[in-house]
Amino acid sequence: DAFVGMLEPHQAEHFIKVAVLEHNIQSISQIYQNISLEQLGLILNVSKEDAEKAASTIISEGRLSASINQLDDLLTFDATNDEFSANIRDTCMAVQGIVGEIPQ
């Protein structure tokens, strides 16, 4: 807040817009494994190009583990091994629960 207070109104508006945009991309990375840049732009209410630029910035700064495939216009988020292991464990437990309910 103190930093934003030192800025001119137009600078503060831009800074806040970029911060919210980057935060929302981070949030989207927790929901999606991959997303088209077009869809990302729609969710963020920005152009596909602006969505790609924002994602590219936070990827290059090391604040988001992801990659952009420009040929397919696709942003793919990198799952950590812990996330992958947890997803596999949860899936196995769900399958085991379903199998346990099948009459013999």
C-alpha atoms as a PDB file:
ATOM      1  CA  ASP A   1       0.000   0.000   0.000  1.00  0.00           C
ATOM      2  CA  ALA A   2       2.794   2.428   0.818  1.00  0.00           C
ATOM      3  CA  PHE A   3       4.471   1.699  -2.515  1.00  0.00           C
ATOM      4  CA  VAL A   4       1.252   2.244  -4.450  1.00  0.00           C
ATOM      5  CA  GLY A   5       0.771   5.526  -2.559  1.00  0.00           C
ATOM      6  CA  MET A   6       4.052   6.850  -3.994  1.00  0.00           C
ATOM      7  CA  LEU A   7       2.906   6.311  -7.566  1.00  0.00           C
ATOM      8  CA  GLU A   8       0.957   8.589  -9.844  1.00  0.00           C
ATOM      9  CA  PRO A   9      -2.678   7.450 -10.214  1.00  0.00           C
ATOM     10  CA  HIS A  10      -2.151   6.037 -13.730  1.00  0.00           C
ATOM     11  CA  GLN A  11       0.979   4.181 -12.555  1.00  0.00           C
ATOM     12  CA  ALA A  12      -0.822   2.741  -9.540  1.00  0.00           C
ATOM     13  CA  GLU A  13      -3.706   1.565 -11.712  1.00  0.00           C
ATOM     14  CA  HIS A  14      -1.299  -0.204 -14.088  1.00  0.00           C
ATOM     15  CA  PHE A  15       0.690  -1.765 -11.215  1.00  0.00           C
ATOM     16  CA  ILE A  16      -2.460  -3.079  -9.539  1.00  0.00           C
ATOM     17  CA  LYS A  17      -3.824  -4.417 -12.841  1.00  0.00           C
ATOM     18  CA  VAL A  18      -0.605  -6.333 -13.531  1.00  0.00           C
ATOM     19  CA  ALA A  19      -0.440  -7.687  -9.961  1.00  0.00           C
ATOM     20  CA  VAL A  20      -4.050  -8.917 -10.116  1.00  0.00           C
ATOM     21  CA  LEU A  21      -3.479 -10.450 -13.554  1.00  0.00           C
ATOM     22  CA  GLU A  22      -0.381 -12.324 -12.363  1.00  0.00           C
ATOM     23  CA  HIS A  23      -2.135 -13.452  -9.194  1.00  0.00           C
ATOM     24  CA  ASN A  24      -5.040 -14.787 -11.233  1.00  0.00           C
ATOM     25  CA  ILE A  25      -2.688 -16.747 -13.503  1.00  0.00           C
ATOM     26  CA  GLN A  26      -1.109 -18.277 -10.378  1.00  0.00           C
ATOM     27  CA  SER A  27      -4.596 -19.203  -9.157  1.00  0.00           C
ATOM     28  CA  ILE A  28      -5.526 -20.717 -12.516  1.00  0.00           C
ATOM     29  CA  SER A  29      -2.379 -22.856 -12.325  1.00  0.00           C
ATOM     30  CA  GLN A  30      -3.854 -24.507  -9.227  1.00  0.00           C
ATOM     31  CA  ILE A  31      -7.008 -25.506 -11.131  1.00  0.00           C
ATOM     32  CA  TYR A  32      -5.825 -26.388 -14.637  1.00  0.00           C
ATOM     33  CA  GLN A  33      -3.049 -28.644 -15.917  1.00  0.00           C
ATOM     34  CA  ASN A  34      -3.061 -26.740 -19.194  1.00  0.00           C
ATOM     35  CA  ILE A  35      -5.147 -24.065 -20.825  1.00  0.00           C
ATOM     36  CA  SER A  36      -5.292 -22.441 -24.242  1.00  0.00           C
ATOM     37  CA  LEU A  37      -4.044 -18.883 -24.340  1.00  0.00           C
ATOM     38  CA  GLU A  38      -7.383 -17.881 -25.852  1.00  0.00           C
ATOM     39  CA  GLN A  39      -9.280 -19.396 -22.887  1.00  0.00           C
ATOM     40  CA  LEU A  40      -6.815 -17.865 -20.437  1.00  0.00           C
ATOM     41  CA  GLY A  41      -7.459 -14.451 -21.977  1.00  0.00           C
ATOM     42  CA  LEU A  42     -11.210 -14.955 -21.726  1.00  0.00           C
ATOM     43  CA  ILE A  43     -10.998 -15.919 -18.051  1.00  0.00           C
ATOM     44  CA  LEU A  44      -8.717 -12.968 -17.291  1.00  0.00           C
ATOM     45  CA  ASN A  45     -10.751 -10.589 -19.467  1.00  0.00           C
ATOM     46  CA  VAL A  46      -7.694  -9.622 -21.534  1.00  0.00           C
ATOM     47  CA  SER A  47      -6.528 -10.409 -25.043  1.00  0.00           C
ATOM     48  CA  LYS A  48      -4.789 -13.692 -25.826  1.00  0.00           C
ATOM     49  CA  GLU A  49      -1.598 -11.697 -26.414  1.00  0.00           C
ATOM     50  CA  ASP A  50      -1.804  -9.939 -23.039  1.00  0.00           C
ATOM     51  CA  ALA A  51      -2.459 -13.264 -21.298  1.00  0.00           C
ATOM     52  CA  GLU A  52       0.576 -14.796 -23.011  1.00  0.00           C
ATOM     53  CA  LYS A  53       2.758 -11.787 -22.137  1.00  0.00           C
ATOM     54  CA  ALA A  54       1.750 -11.897 -18.461  1.00  0.00           C
ATOM     55  CA  ALA A  55       2.286 -15.660 -18.240  1.00  0.00           C
ATOM     56  CA  SER A  56       5.611 -15.363 -20.036  1.00  0.00           C
ATOM     57  CA  THR A  57       6.784 -12.702 -17.598  1.00  0.00           C
ATOM     58  CA  ILE A  58       6.087 -14.707 -14.455  1.00  0.00           C
ATOM     59  CA  ILE A  59       7.498 -17.894 -16.024  1.00  0.00           C
ATOM     60  CA  SER A  60      10.734 -16.140 -17.015  1.00  0.00           C
ATOM     61  CA  GLU A  61      11.040 -14.608 -13.537  1.00  0.00           C
ATOM     62  CA  GLY A  62      10.723 -18.074 -11.987  1.00  0.00           C
ATOM     63  CA  ARG A  63       7.451 -17.299 -10.217  1.00  0.00           C
ATOM     64  CA  LEU A  64       5.468 -19.866 -12.190  1.00  0.00           C
ATOM     65  CA  SER A  65       6.579 -23.322 -13.240  1.00  0.00           C
ATOM     66  CA  ALA A  66       5.004 -23.687 -16.658  1.00  0.00           C
ATOM     67  CA  SER A  67       5.712 -23.588 -20.358  1.00  0.00           C
ATOM     68  CA  ILE A  68       4.074 -21.950 -23.353  1.00  0.00           C
ATOM     69  CA  ASN A  69       3.705 -23.837 -26.627  1.00  0.00           C
ATOM     70  CA  GLN A  70       3.286 -21.050 -29.143  1.00  0.00           C
ATOM     71  CA  LEU A  71       2.499 -23.450 -32.002  1.00  0.00           C
ATOM     72  CA  ASP A  72      -0.513 -24.825 -30.127  1.00  0.00           C
ATOM     73  CA  ASP A  73      -1.221 -21.591 -28.170  1.00  0.00           C
ATOM     74  CA  LEU A  74      -1.162 -23.662 -24.989  1.00  0.00           C
ATOM     75  CA  LEU A  75       0.031 -22.859 -21.475  1.00  0.00           C
ATOM     76  CA  THR A  76       0.997 -26.011 -19.570  1.00  0.00           C
ATOM     77  CA  PHE A  77       1.579 -25.873 -15.831  1.00  0.00           C
ATOM     78  CA  ASP A  78       4.292 -28.098 -14.378  1.00  0.00           C
ATOM     79  CA  ALA A  79       3.045 -30.319 -11.575  1.00  0.00           C
ATOM     80  CA  THR A  80       5.603 -30.998  -8.905  1.00  0.00           C
ATOM     81  CA  ASN A  81       6.383 -34.597  -8.027  1.00  0.00           C
ATOM     82  CA  ASP A  82       4.525 -34.125  -4.737  1.00  0.00           C
ATOM     83  CA  GLU A  83       1.411 -32.956  -6.558  1.00  0.00           C
ATOM     84  CA  PHE A  84       1.700 -35.796  -9.042  1.00  0.00           C
ATOM     85  CA  SER A  85       2.131 -38.351  -6.260  1.00  0.00           C
ATOM     86  CA  ALA A  86      -0.840 -36.946  -4.363  1.00  0.00           C
ATOM     87  CA  ASN A  87      -2.991 -37.085  -7.499  1.00  0.00           C
ATOM     88  CA  ILE A  88      -1.998 -40.695  -8.158  1.00  0.00           C
ATOM     89  CA  ARG A  89      -2.651 -41.632  -4.526  1.00  0.00           C
ATOM     90  CA  ASP A  90      -6.078 -39.965  -4.556  1.00  0.00           C
ATOM     91  CA  THR A  91      -6.990 -41.683  -7.824  1.00  0.00           C
ATOM     92  CA  CYS A  92      -5.910 -45.081  -6.509  1.00  0.00           C
ATOM     93  CA  MET A  93      -7.926 -44.577  -3.333  1.00  0.00           C
ATOM     94  CA  ALA A  94     -10.990 -43.588  -5.359  1.00  0.00           C
ATOM     95  CA  VAL A  95     -10.649 -46.667  -7.575  1.00  0.00           C
ATOM     96  CA  GLN A  96     -10.172 -48.882  -4.516  1.00  0.00           C
ATOM     97  CA  GLY A  97     -13.358 -47.448  -2.992  1.00  0.00           C
ATOM     98  CA  ILE A  98     -15.325 -48.104  -6.160  1.00  0.00           C
ATOM     99  CA  VAL A  99     -13.963 -51.657  -6.479  1.00  0.00           C
ATOM    100  CA  GLY A 100     -14.855 -52.309  -2.845  1.00  0.00           C
ATOM    101  CA  GLU A 101     -18.503 -51.493  -3.585  1.00  0.00           C
ATOM    102  CA  ILE A 102     -18.793 -53.891  -6.527  1.00  0.00           C
ATOM    103  CA  PRO A 103     -20.756 -56.991  -5.471  1.00  0.00           C
ATOM    104  CA  GLN A 104     -18.714 -60.182  -5.646  1.00  0.00           C
END
